[in-house]
Amino acid sequence: VDVLTIQLSKAPVEESDQDKPGVILDYDKDGNIVGLEI
């Protein structure tokens, strides 16, 4: 699928947001970034 995933924490992803085209940020329940996908 040509996706690079960087997991920063083992915390469950509560929300994801594609603020910029091609980059998805994953957040935990407290709003901390726990991962990103390119």
PDB file of all heavy atoms in Angstrom:
ATOM      1  N   VAL A   1       0.821  -1.215   0.000  1.00  0.00           N
ATOM      2  CA  VAL A   1       0.000   0.000   0.000  1.00  0.00           C
ATOM      3  C   VAL A   1       0.856   1.267   0.000  1.00  0.00           C
ATOM      4  O   VAL A   1       0.318   2.369  -0.011  1.00  0.00           O
ATOM      5  CB  VAL A   1      -0.997   0.022   1.189  1.00  0.00           C
ATOM      6  CG1 VAL A   1      -2.039  -1.052   1.015  1.00  0.00           C
ATOM      7  CG2 VAL A   1      -0.283  -0.130   2.512  1.00  0.00           C
ATOM      8  N   ASP A   2       2.187   1.092   0.013  1.00  0.00           N
ATOM      9  CA  ASP A   2       3.150   2.192  -0.039  1.00  0.00           C
ATOM     10  C   ASP A   2       2.942   3.195   1.096  1.00  0.00           C
ATOM     11  O   ASP A   2       2.835   4.400   0.877  1.00  0.00           O
ATOM     12  CB  ASP A   2       3.087   2.897  -1.404  1.00  0.00           C
ATOM     13  CG  ASP A   2       4.296   3.769  -1.674  1.00  0.00           C
ATOM     14  OD1 ASP A   2       5.343   3.577  -1.028  1.00  0.00           O
ATOM     15  OD2 ASP A   2       4.193   4.662  -2.538  1.00  0.00           O
ATOM     16  N   VAL A   3       2.881   2.650   2.328  1.00  0.00           N
ATOM     17  CA  VAL A   3       2.682   3.484   3.521  1.00  0.00           C
ATOM     18  C   VAL A   3       3.800   3.209   4.521  1.00  0.00           C
ATOM     19  O   VAL A   3       4.101   2.059   4.840  1.00  0.00           O
ATOM     20  CB  VAL A   3       1.309   3.208   4.175  1.00  0.00           C
ATOM     21  CG1 VAL A   3       1.182   3.943   5.499  1.00  0.00           C
ATOM     22  CG2 VAL A   3       0.185   3.606   3.242  1.00  0.00           C
ATOM     23  N   LEU A   4       4.409   4.281   5.007  1.00  0.00           N
ATOM     24  CA  LEU A   4       5.404   4.195   6.070  1.00  0.00           C
ATOM     25  C   LEU A   4       4.720   4.600   7.372  1.00  0.00           C
ATOM     26  O   LEU A   4       4.133   5.678   7.456  1.00  0.00           O
ATOM     27  CB  LEU A   4       6.582   5.136   5.797  1.00  0.00           C
ATOM     28  CG  LEU A   4       7.684   5.143   6.846  1.00  0.00           C
ATOM     29  CD1 LEU A   4       8.458   3.831   6.795  1.00  0.00           C
ATOM     30  CD2 LEU A   4       8.623   6.310   6.633  1.00  0.00           C
ATOM     31  N   THR A   5       4.760   3.712   8.354  1.00  0.00           N
ATOM     32  CA  THR A   5       4.113   3.956   9.645  1.00  0.00           C
ATOM     33  C   THR A   5       5.174   4.073  10.726  1.00  0.00           C
ATOM     34  O   THR A   5       6.060   3.222  10.819  1.00  0.00           O
ATOM     35  CB  THR A   5       3.153   2.806   9.995  1.00  0.00           C
ATOM     36  OG1 THR A   5       2.200   2.657   8.951  1.00  0.00           O
ATOM     37  CG2 THR A   5       2.432   3.069  11.307  1.00  0.00           C
ATOM     38  N   ILE A   6       5.077   5.118  11.523  1.00  0.00           N
ATOM     39  CA  ILE A   6       5.971   5.308  12.659  1.00  0.00           C
ATOM     40  C   ILE A   6       5.104   5.335  13.908  1.00  0.00           C
ATOM     41  O   ILE A   6       4.281   6.230  14.086  1.00  0.00           O
ATOM     42  CB  ILE A   6       6.785   6.607  12.537  1.00  0.00           C
ATOM     43  CG1 ILE A   6       7.590   6.583  11.241  1.00  0.00           C
ATOM     44  CG2 ILE A   6       7.693   6.790  13.755  1.00  0.00           C
ATOM     45  CD1 ILE A   6       8.269   7.887  10.908  1.00  0.00           C
ATOM     46  N   GLN A   7       5.271   4.320  14.751  1.00  0.00           N
ATOM     47  CA  GLN A   7       4.507   4.215  15.990  1.00  0.00           C
ATOM     48  C   GLN A   7       5.385   4.726  17.126  1.00  0.00           C
ATOM     49  O   GLN A   7       6.440   4.167  17.409  1.00  0.00           O
ATOM     50  CB  GLN A   7       4.110   2.754  16.231  1.00  0.00           C
ATOM     51  CG  GLN A   7       3.311   2.540  17.466  1.00  0.00           C
ATOM     52  CD  GLN A   7       3.000   1.058  17.692  1.00  0.00           C
ATOM     53  OE1 GLN A   7       3.461   0.188  16.970  1.00  0.00           O
ATOM     54  NE2 GLN A   7       2.226   0.792  18.712  1.00  0.00           N
ATOM     55  N   LEU A   8       4.961   5.813  17.756  1.00  0.00           N
ATOM     56  CA  LEU A   8       5.744   6.439  18.819  1.00  0.00           C
ATOM     57  C   LEU A   8       5.405   5.905  20.197  1.00  0.00           C
ATOM     58  O   LEU A   8       6.204   6.015  21.120  1.00  0.00           O
ATOM     59  CB  LEU A   8       5.519   7.959  18.787  1.00  0.00           C
ATOM     60  CG  LEU A   8       5.844   8.644  17.460  1.00  0.00           C
ATOM     61  CD1 LEU A   8       5.406  10.108  17.513  1.00  0.00           C
ATOM     62  CD2 LEU A   8       7.311   8.527  17.141  1.00  0.00           C
ATOM     63  N   SER A   9       4.213   5.350  20.332  1.00  0.00           N
ATOM     64  CA  SER A   9       3.729   4.885  21.628  1.00  0.00           C
ATOM     65  C   SER A   9       2.810   3.692  21.415  1.00  0.00           C
ATOM     66  O   SER A   9       2.232   3.526  20.342  1.00  0.00           O
ATOM     67  CB  SER A   9       2.949   6.020  22.305  1.00  0.00           C
ATOM     68  OG  SER A   9       2.222   5.549  23.402  1.00  0.00           O
ATOM     69  N   LYS A  10       2.666   2.874  22.449  1.00  0.00           N
ATOM     70  CA  LYS A  10       1.743   1.739  22.374  1.00  0.00           C
ATOM     71  C   LYS A  10       0.324   2.130  22.789  1.00  0.00           C
ATOM     72  O   LYS A  10      -0.576   1.298  22.795  1.00  0.00           O
ATOM     73  CB  LYS A  10       2.246   0.601  23.258  1.00  0.00           C
ATOM     74  CG  LYS A  10       3.502  -0.031  22.721  1.00  0.00           C
ATOM     75  CD  LYS A  10       3.918  -1.214  23.557  1.00  0.00           C
ATOM     76  CE  LYS A  10       5.191  -1.825  22.983  1.00  0.00           C
ATOM     77  NZ  LYS A  10       5.603  -3.022  23.718  1.00  0.00           N
ATOM     78  N   ALA A  11       0.134   3.398  23.110  1.00  0.00           N
ATOM     79  CA  ALA A  11      -1.198   3.877  23.503  1.00  0.00           C
ATOM     80  C   ALA A  11      -2.167   3.702  22.333  1.00  0.00           C
ATOM     81  O   ALA A  11      -1.793   3.899  21.175  1.00  0.00           O
ATOM     82  CB  ALA A  11      -1.139   5.346  23.902  1.00  0.00           C
ATOM     83  N   PRO A  12      -3.409   3.328  22.616  1.00  0.00           N
ATOM     84  CA  PRO A  12      -4.397   3.159  21.553  1.00  0.00           C
ATOM     85  C   PRO A  12      -4.669   4.476  20.822  1.00  0.00           C
ATOM     86  O   PRO A  12      -4.673   5.549  21.424  1.00  0.00           O
ATOM     87  CB  PRO A  12      -5.653   2.703  22.276  1.00  0.00           C
ATOM     88  CG  PRO A  12      -5.245   2.340  23.653  1.00  0.00           C
ATOM     89  CD  PRO A  12      -3.949   3.022  23.933  1.00  0.00           C
ATOM     90  N   VAL A  13      -4.890   4.370  19.523  1.00  0.00           N
ATOM     91  CA  VAL A  13      -5.213   5.539  18.704  1.00  0.00           C
ATOM     92  C   VAL A  13      -6.685   5.866  18.915  1.00  0.00           C
ATOM     93  O   VAL A  13      -7.563   5.041  18.713  1.00  0.00           O
ATOM     94  CB  VAL A  13      -4.930   5.270  17.213  1.00  0.00           C
ATOM     95  CG1 VAL A  13      -5.387   6.444  16.362  1.00  0.00           C
ATOM     96  CG2 VAL A  13      -3.452   4.983  16.999  1.00  0.00           C
ATOM     97  N   GLU A  14      -6.932   7.084  19.346  1.00  0.00           N
ATOM     98  CA  GLU A  14      -8.295   7.554  19.592  1.00  0.00           C
ATOM     99  C   GLU A  14      -8.820   8.343  18.388  1.00  0.00           C
ATOM    100  O   GLU A  14     -10.000   8.318  18.085  1.00  0.00           O
ATOM    101  CB  GLU A  14      -8.310   8.432  20.843  1.00  0.00           C
ATOM    102  CG  GLU A  14      -9.663   8.825  21.330  1.00  0.00           C
ATOM    103  CD  GLU A  14     -10.441   7.680  21.957  1.00  0.00           C
ATOM    104  OE1 GLU A  14      -9.829   6.709  22.446  1.00  0.00           O
ATOM    105  OE2 GLU A  14     -11.682   7.756  21.956  1.00  0.00           O
ATOM    106  N   GLU A  15      -7.907   9.039  17.709  1.00  0.00           N
ATOM    107  CA  GLU A  15      -8.312   9.896  16.601  1.00  0.00           C
ATOM    108  C   GLU A  15      -7.152  10.019  15.621  1.00  0.00           C
ATOM    109  O   GLU A  15      -5.988   9.993  16.015  1.00  0.00           O
ATOM    110  CB  GLU A  15      -8.680  11.281  17.139  1.00  0.00           C
ATOM    111  CG  GLU A  15      -9.142  12.256  16.103  1.00  0.00           C
ATOM    112  CD  GLU A  15      -9.470  13.623  16.691  1.00  0.00           C
ATOM    113  OE1 GLU A  15      -9.539  13.770  17.924  1.00  0.00           O
ATOM    114  OE2 GLU A  15      -9.634  14.545  15.899  1.00  0.00           O
ATOM    115  N   SER A  16      -7.477  10.137  14.343  1.00  0.00           N
ATOM    116  CA  SER A  16      -6.472  10.368  13.306  1.00  0.00           C
ATOM    117  C   SER A  16      -6.870  11.605  12.515  1.00  0.00           C
ATOM    118  O   SER A  16      -8.052  11.886  12.341  1.00  0.00           O
ATOM    119  CB  SER A  16      -6.377   9.165  12.371  1.00  0.00           C
ATOM    120  OG  SER A  16      -5.932   8.026  13.065  1.00  0.00           O
ATOM    121  N   ASP A  17      -5.853  12.331  12.035  1.00  0.00           N
ATOM    122  CA  ASP A  17      -6.125  13.567  11.319  1.00  0.00           C
ATOM    123  C   ASP A  17      -5.107  13.728  10.192  1.00  0.00           C
ATOM    124  O   ASP A  17      -3.910  13.550  10.409  1.00  0.00           O
ATOM    125  CB  ASP A  17      -6.022  14.750  12.284  1.00  0.00           C
ATOM    126  CG  ASP A  17      -6.364  16.078  11.643  1.00  0.00           C
ATOM    127  OD1 ASP A  17      -7.177  16.101  10.701  1.00  0.00           O
ATOM    128  OD2 ASP A  17      -5.828  17.096  12.098  1.00  0.00           O
ATOM    129  N   GLN A  18      -5.599  14.051   9.006  1.00  0.00           N
ATOM    130  CA  GLN A  18      -4.712  14.308   7.876  1.00  0.00           C
ATOM    131  C   GLN A  18      -4.656  15.816   7.668  1.00  0.00           C
ATOM    132  O   GLN A  18      -5.335  16.380   6.832  1.00  0.00           O
ATOM    133  CB  GLN A  18      -5.205  13.599   6.617  1.00  0.00           C
ATOM    134  CG  GLN A  18      -4.229  13.676   5.484  1.00  0.00           C
ATOM    135  CD  GLN A  18      -4.618  12.816   4.297  1.00  0.00           C
ATOM    136  OE1 GLN A  18      -5.529  12.030   4.326  1.00  0.00           O
ATOM    137  NE2 GLN A  18      -3.895  12.977   3.212  1.00  0.00           N
ATOM    138  N   ASP A  19      -3.814  16.464   8.470  1.00  0.00           N
ATOM    139  CA  ASP A  19      -3.679  17.916   8.429  1.00  0.00           C
ATOM    140  C   ASP A  19      -3.049  18.373   7.121  1.00  0.00           C
ATOM    141  O   ASP A  19      -3.457  19.357   6.531  1.00  0.00           O
ATOM    142  CB  ASP A  19      -2.852  18.394   9.620  1.00  0.00           C
ATOM    143  CG  ASP A  19      -2.830  19.899   9.747  1.00  0.00           C
ATOM    144  OD1 ASP A  19      -3.906  20.517   9.633  1.00  0.00           O
ATOM    145  OD2 ASP A  19      -1.740  20.456   9.961  1.00  0.00           O
ATOM    146  N   LYS A  20      -2.041  17.665   6.682  1.00  0.00           N
ATOM    147  CA  LYS A  20      -1.357  17.947   5.409  1.00  0.00           C
ATOM    148  C   LYS A  20      -1.573  16.752   4.483  1.00  0.00           C
ATOM    149  O   LYS A  20      -1.587  15.610   4.946  1.00  0.00           O
ATOM    150  CB  LYS A  20       0.149  18.143   5.626  1.00  0.00           C
ATOM    151  CG  LYS A  20       0.505  19.245   6.586  1.00  0.00           C
ATOM    152  CD  LYS A  20       0.289  20.595   5.962  1.00  0.00           C
ATOM    153  CE  LYS A  20       0.757  21.685   6.909  1.00  0.00           C
ATOM    154  NZ  LYS A  20       0.340  22.987   6.511  1.00  0.00           N
ATOM    155  N   PRO A  21      -1.701  16.981   3.192  1.00  0.00           N
ATOM    156  CA  PRO A  21      -1.902  15.861   2.263  1.00  0.00           C
ATOM    157  C   PRO A  21      -0.764  14.845   2.352  1.00  0.00           C
ATOM    158  O   PRO A  21       0.410  15.205   2.325  1.00  0.00           O
ATOM    159  CB  PRO A  21      -1.911  16.531   0.889  1.00  0.00           C
ATOM    160  CG  PRO A  21      -2.259  17.955   1.150  1.00  0.00           C
ATOM    161  CD  PRO A  21      -1.702  18.266   2.508  1.00  0.00           C
ATOM    162  N   GLY A  22      -1.122  13.579   2.524  1.00  0.00           N
ATOM    163  CA  GLY A  22      -0.143  12.507   2.534  1.00  0.00           C
ATOM    164  C   GLY A  22       0.447  12.174   3.883  1.00  0.00           C
ATOM    165  O   GLY A  22       1.246  11.250   3.996  1.00  0.00           O
ATOM    166  N   VAL A  23       0.075  12.908   4.939  1.00  0.00           N
ATOM    167  CA  VAL A  23       0.593  12.627   6.282  1.00  0.00           C
ATOM    168  C   VAL A  23      -0.580  12.548   7.255  1.00  0.00           C
ATOM    169  O   VAL A  23      -1.348  13.496   7.396  1.00  0.00           O
ATOM    170  CB  VAL A  23       1.584  13.718   6.761  1.00  0.00           C
ATOM    171  CG1 VAL A  23       2.071  13.414   8.165  1.00  0.00           C
ATOM    172  CG2 VAL A  23       2.757  13.831   5.808  1.00  0.00           C
ATOM    173  N   ILE A  24      -0.709  11.400   7.908  1.00  0.00           N
ATOM    174  CA  ILE A  24      -1.782  11.196   8.881  1.00  0.00           C
ATOM    175  C   ILE A  24      -1.162  11.127  10.271  1.00  0.00           C
ATOM    176  O   ILE A  24      -0.227  10.349  10.506  1.00  0.00           O
ATOM    177  CB  ILE A  24      -2.555   9.900   8.587  1.00  0.00           C
ATOM    178  CG1 ILE A  24      -3.212   9.992   7.213  1.00  0.00           C
ATOM    179  CG2 ILE A  24      -3.591   9.632   9.681  1.00  0.00           C
ATOM    180  CD1 ILE A  24      -3.852   8.708   6.743  1.00  0.00           C
ATOM    181  N   LEU A  25      -1.652  11.950  11.175  1.00  0.00           N
ATOM    182  CA  LEU A  25      -1.198  11.940  12.561  1.00  0.00           C
ATOM    183  C   LEU A  25      -2.215  11.186  13.406  1.00  0.00           C
ATOM    184  O   LEU A  25      -3.425  11.394  13.265  1.00  0.00           O
ATOM    185  CB  LEU A  25      -1.042  13.363  13.093  1.00  0.00           C
ATOM    186  CG  LEU A  25      -0.001  14.229  12.387  1.00  0.00           C
ATOM    187  CD1 LEU A  25      -0.021  15.637  12.950  1.00  0.00           C
ATOM    188  CD2 LEU A  25       1.378  13.631  12.500  1.00  0.00           C
ATOM    189  N   ASP A  26      -1.735  10.299  14.274  1.00  0.00           N
ATOM    190  CA  ASP A  26      -2.586   9.532  15.176  1.00  0.00           C
ATOM    191  C   ASP A  26      -2.425  10.069  16.594  1.00  0.00           C
ATOM    192  O   ASP A  26      -1.304  10.310  17.048  1.00  0.00           O
ATOM    193  CB  ASP A  26      -2.196   8.053  15.155  1.00  0.00           C
ATOM    194  CG  ASP A  26      -2.393   7.415  13.789  1.00  0.00           C
ATOM    195  OD1 ASP A  26      -3.356   7.793  13.096  1.00  0.00           O
ATOM    196  OD2 ASP A  26      -1.599   6.532  13.424  1.00  0.00           O
ATOM    197  N   TYR A  27      -3.547  10.255  17.281  1.00  0.00           N
ATOM    198  CA  TYR A  27      -3.559  10.819  18.627  1.00  0.00           C
ATOM    199  C   TYR A  27      -4.179   9.839  19.625  1.00  0.00           C
ATOM    200  O   TYR A  27      -5.093   9.086  19.279  1.00  0.00           O
ATOM    201  CB  TYR A  27      -4.389  12.110  18.658  1.00  0.00           C
ATOM    202  CG  TYR A  27      -3.877  13.172  17.728  1.00  0.00           C
ATOM    203  CD1 TYR A  27      -4.348  13.279  16.427  1.00  0.00           C
ATOM    204  CD2 TYR A  27      -2.924  14.093  18.155  1.00  0.00           C
ATOM    205  CE1 TYR A  27      -3.878  14.267  15.567  1.00  0.00           C
ATOM    206  CE2 TYR A  27      -2.451  15.084  17.303  1.00  0.00           C
ATOM    207  CZ  TYR A  27      -2.934  15.162  16.018  1.00  0.00           C
ATOM    208  OH  TYR A  27      -2.465  16.140  15.168  1.00  0.00           O
ATOM    209  N   ASP A  28      -3.716   9.903  20.878  1.00  0.00           N
ATOM    210  CA  ASP A  28      -4.343   9.118  21.939  1.00  0.00           C
ATOM    211  C   ASP A  28      -5.507   9.914  22.523  1.00  0.00           C
ATOM    212  O   ASP A  28      -5.825  11.015  22.060  1.00  0.00           O
ATOM    213  CB  ASP A  28      -3.322   8.717  23.013  1.00  0.00           C
ATOM    214  CG  ASP A  28      -2.752   9.882  23.804  1.00  0.00           C
ATOM    215  OD1 ASP A  28      -3.260  11.027  23.685  1.00  0.00           O
ATOM    216  OD2 ASP A  28      -1.798   9.652  24.569  1.00  0.00           O
ATOM    217  N   LYS A  29      -6.135   9.382  23.562  1.00  0.00           N
ATOM    218  CA  LYS A  29      -7.318  10.031  24.148  1.00  0.00           C
ATOM    219  C   LYS A  29      -7.020  11.398  24.764  1.00  0.00           C
ATOM    220  O   LYS A  29      -7.909  12.223  24.914  1.00  0.00           O
ATOM    221  CB  LYS A  29      -7.973   9.118  25.187  1.00  0.00           C
ATOM    222  CG  LYS A  29      -7.104   8.840  26.384  1.00  0.00           C
ATOM    223  CD  LYS A  29      -7.801   7.937  27.375  1.00  0.00           C
ATOM    224  CE  LYS A  29      -6.831   7.645  28.497  1.00  0.00           C
ATOM    225  NZ  LYS A  29      -7.383   7.789  29.772  1.00  0.00           N
ATOM    226  N   ASP A  30      -5.731  11.655  25.107  1.00  0.00           N
ATOM    227  CA  ASP A  30      -5.351  12.937  25.697  1.00  0.00           C
ATOM    228  C   ASP A  30      -4.852  13.941  24.655  1.00  0.00           C
ATOM    229  O   ASP A  30      -4.415  15.040  25.004  1.00  0.00           O
ATOM    230  CB  ASP A  30      -4.260  12.727  26.757  1.00  0.00           C
ATOM    231  CG  ASP A  30      -4.760  11.892  27.922  1.00  0.00           C
ATOM    232  OD1 ASP A  30      -5.922  12.076  28.334  1.00  0.00           O
ATOM    233  OD2 ASP A  30      -3.986  11.030  28.411  1.00  0.00           O
ATOM    234  N   GLY A  31      -4.896  13.560  23.377  1.00  0.00           N
ATOM    235  CA  GLY A  31      -4.467  14.458  22.320  1.00  0.00           C
ATOM    236  C   GLY A  31      -2.983  14.417  22.008  1.00  0.00           C
ATOM    237  O   GLY A  31      -2.487  15.234  21.243  1.00  0.00           O
ATOM    238  N   ASN A  32      -2.265  13.458  22.598  1.00  0.00           N
ATOM    239  CA  ASN A  32      -0.836  13.316  22.325  1.00  0.00           C
ATOM    240  C   ASN A  32      -0.635  12.541  21.028  1.00  0.00           C
ATOM    241  O   ASN A  32      -1.357  11.581  20.746  1.00  0.00           O
ATOM    242  CB  ASN A  32      -0.145  12.551  23.460  1.00  0.00           C
ATOM    243  CG  ASN A  32      -0.275  13.266  24.772  1.00  0.00           C
ATOM    244  OD1 ASN A  32       0.020  14.445  24.884  1.00  0.00           O
ATOM    245  ND2 ASN A  32      -0.743  12.556  25.792  1.00  0.00           N
ATOM    246  N   ILE A  33       0.367  12.917  20.244  1.00  0.00           N
ATOM    247  CA  ILE A  33       0.675  12.183  19.017  1.00  0.00           C
ATOM    248  C   ILE A  33       1.304  10.849  19.396  1.00  0.00           C
ATOM    249  O   ILE A  33       2.287  10.805  20.137  1.00  0.00           O
ATOM    250  CB  ILE A  33       1.632  12.987  18.115  1.00  0.00           C
ATOM    251  CG1 ILE A  33       0.966  14.279  17.645  1.00  0.00           C
ATOM    252  CG2 ILE A  33       2.064  12.142  16.910  1.00  0.00           C
ATOM    253  CD1 ILE A  33       1.865  15.192  16.856  1.00  0.00           C
ATOM    254  N   VAL A  34       0.711   9.759  18.911  1.00  0.00           N
ATOM    255  CA  VAL A  34       1.230   8.422  19.199  1.00  0.00           C
ATOM    256  C   VAL A  34       1.774   7.739  17.948  1.00  0.00           C
ATOM    257  O   VAL A  34       2.387   6.683  18.032  1.00  0.00           O
ATOM    258  CB  VAL A  34       0.168   7.535  19.886  1.00  0.00           C
ATOM    259  CG1 VAL A  34      -0.202   8.094  21.239  1.00  0.00           C
ATOM    260  CG2 VAL A  34      -1.066   7.369  19.012  1.00  0.00           C
ATOM    261  N   GLY A  35       1.545   8.356  16.795  1.00  0.00           N
ATOM    262  CA  GLY A  35       2.071   7.776  15.562  1.00  0.00           C
ATOM    263  C   GLY A  35       1.780   8.656  14.368  1.00  0.00           C
ATOM    264  O   GLY A  35       1.043   9.635  14.459  1.00  0.00           O
ATOM    265  N   LEU A  36       2.404   8.277  13.262  1.00  0.00           N
ATOM    266  CA  LEU A  36       2.128   8.976  12.022  1.00  0.00           C
ATOM    267  C   LEU A  36       2.286   8.016  10.858  1.00  0.00           C
ATOM    268  O   LEU A  36       3.003   7.024  10.945  1.00  0.00           O
ATOM    269  CB  LEU A  36       3.016  10.205  11.855  1.00  0.00           C
ATOM    270  CG  LEU A  36       4.514   9.990  11.787  1.00  0.00           C
ATOM    271  CD1 LEU A  36       4.988  10.220  10.372  1.00  0.00           C
ATOM    272  CD2 LEU A  36       5.195  10.969  12.711  1.00  0.00           C
ATOM    273  N   GLU A  37       1.588   8.313   9.787  1.00  0.00           N
ATOM    274  CA  GLU A  37       1.654   7.511   8.578  1.00  0.00           C
ATOM    275  C   GLU A  37       1.967   8.433   7.409  1.00  0.00           C
ATOM    276  O   GLU A  37       1.396   9.523   7.299  1.00  0.00           O
ATOM    277  CB  GLU A  37       0.321   6.819   8.324  1.00  0.00           C
ATOM    278  CG  GLU A  37      -0.083   5.861   9.433  1.00  0.00           C
ATOM    279  CD  GLU A  37      -1.522   5.425   9.286  1.00  0.00           C
ATOM    280  OE1 GLU A  37      -1.792   4.602   8.403  1.00  0.00           O
ATOM    281  OE2 GLU A  37      -2.348   5.948  10.054  1.00  0.00           O
ATOM    282  N   ILE A  38       2.877   7.996   6.563  1.00  0.00           N
ATOM    283  CA  ILE A  38       3.214   8.738   5.358  1.00  0.00           C
ATOM    284  C   ILE A  38       2.685   7.940   4.176  1.00  0.00           C
ATOM    285  O   ILE A  38       3.141   6.813   3.927  1.00  0.00           O
ATOM    286  CB  ILE A  38       4.729   8.975   5.243  1.00  0.00           C
ATOM    287  CG1 ILE A  38       5.214   9.768   6.456  1.00  0.00           C
ATOM    288  CG2 ILE A  38       5.062   9.688   3.938  1.00  0.00           C
ATOM    289  CD1 ILE A  38       6.704   9.921   6.547  1.00  0.00           C
TER     290      ILE A  38
END
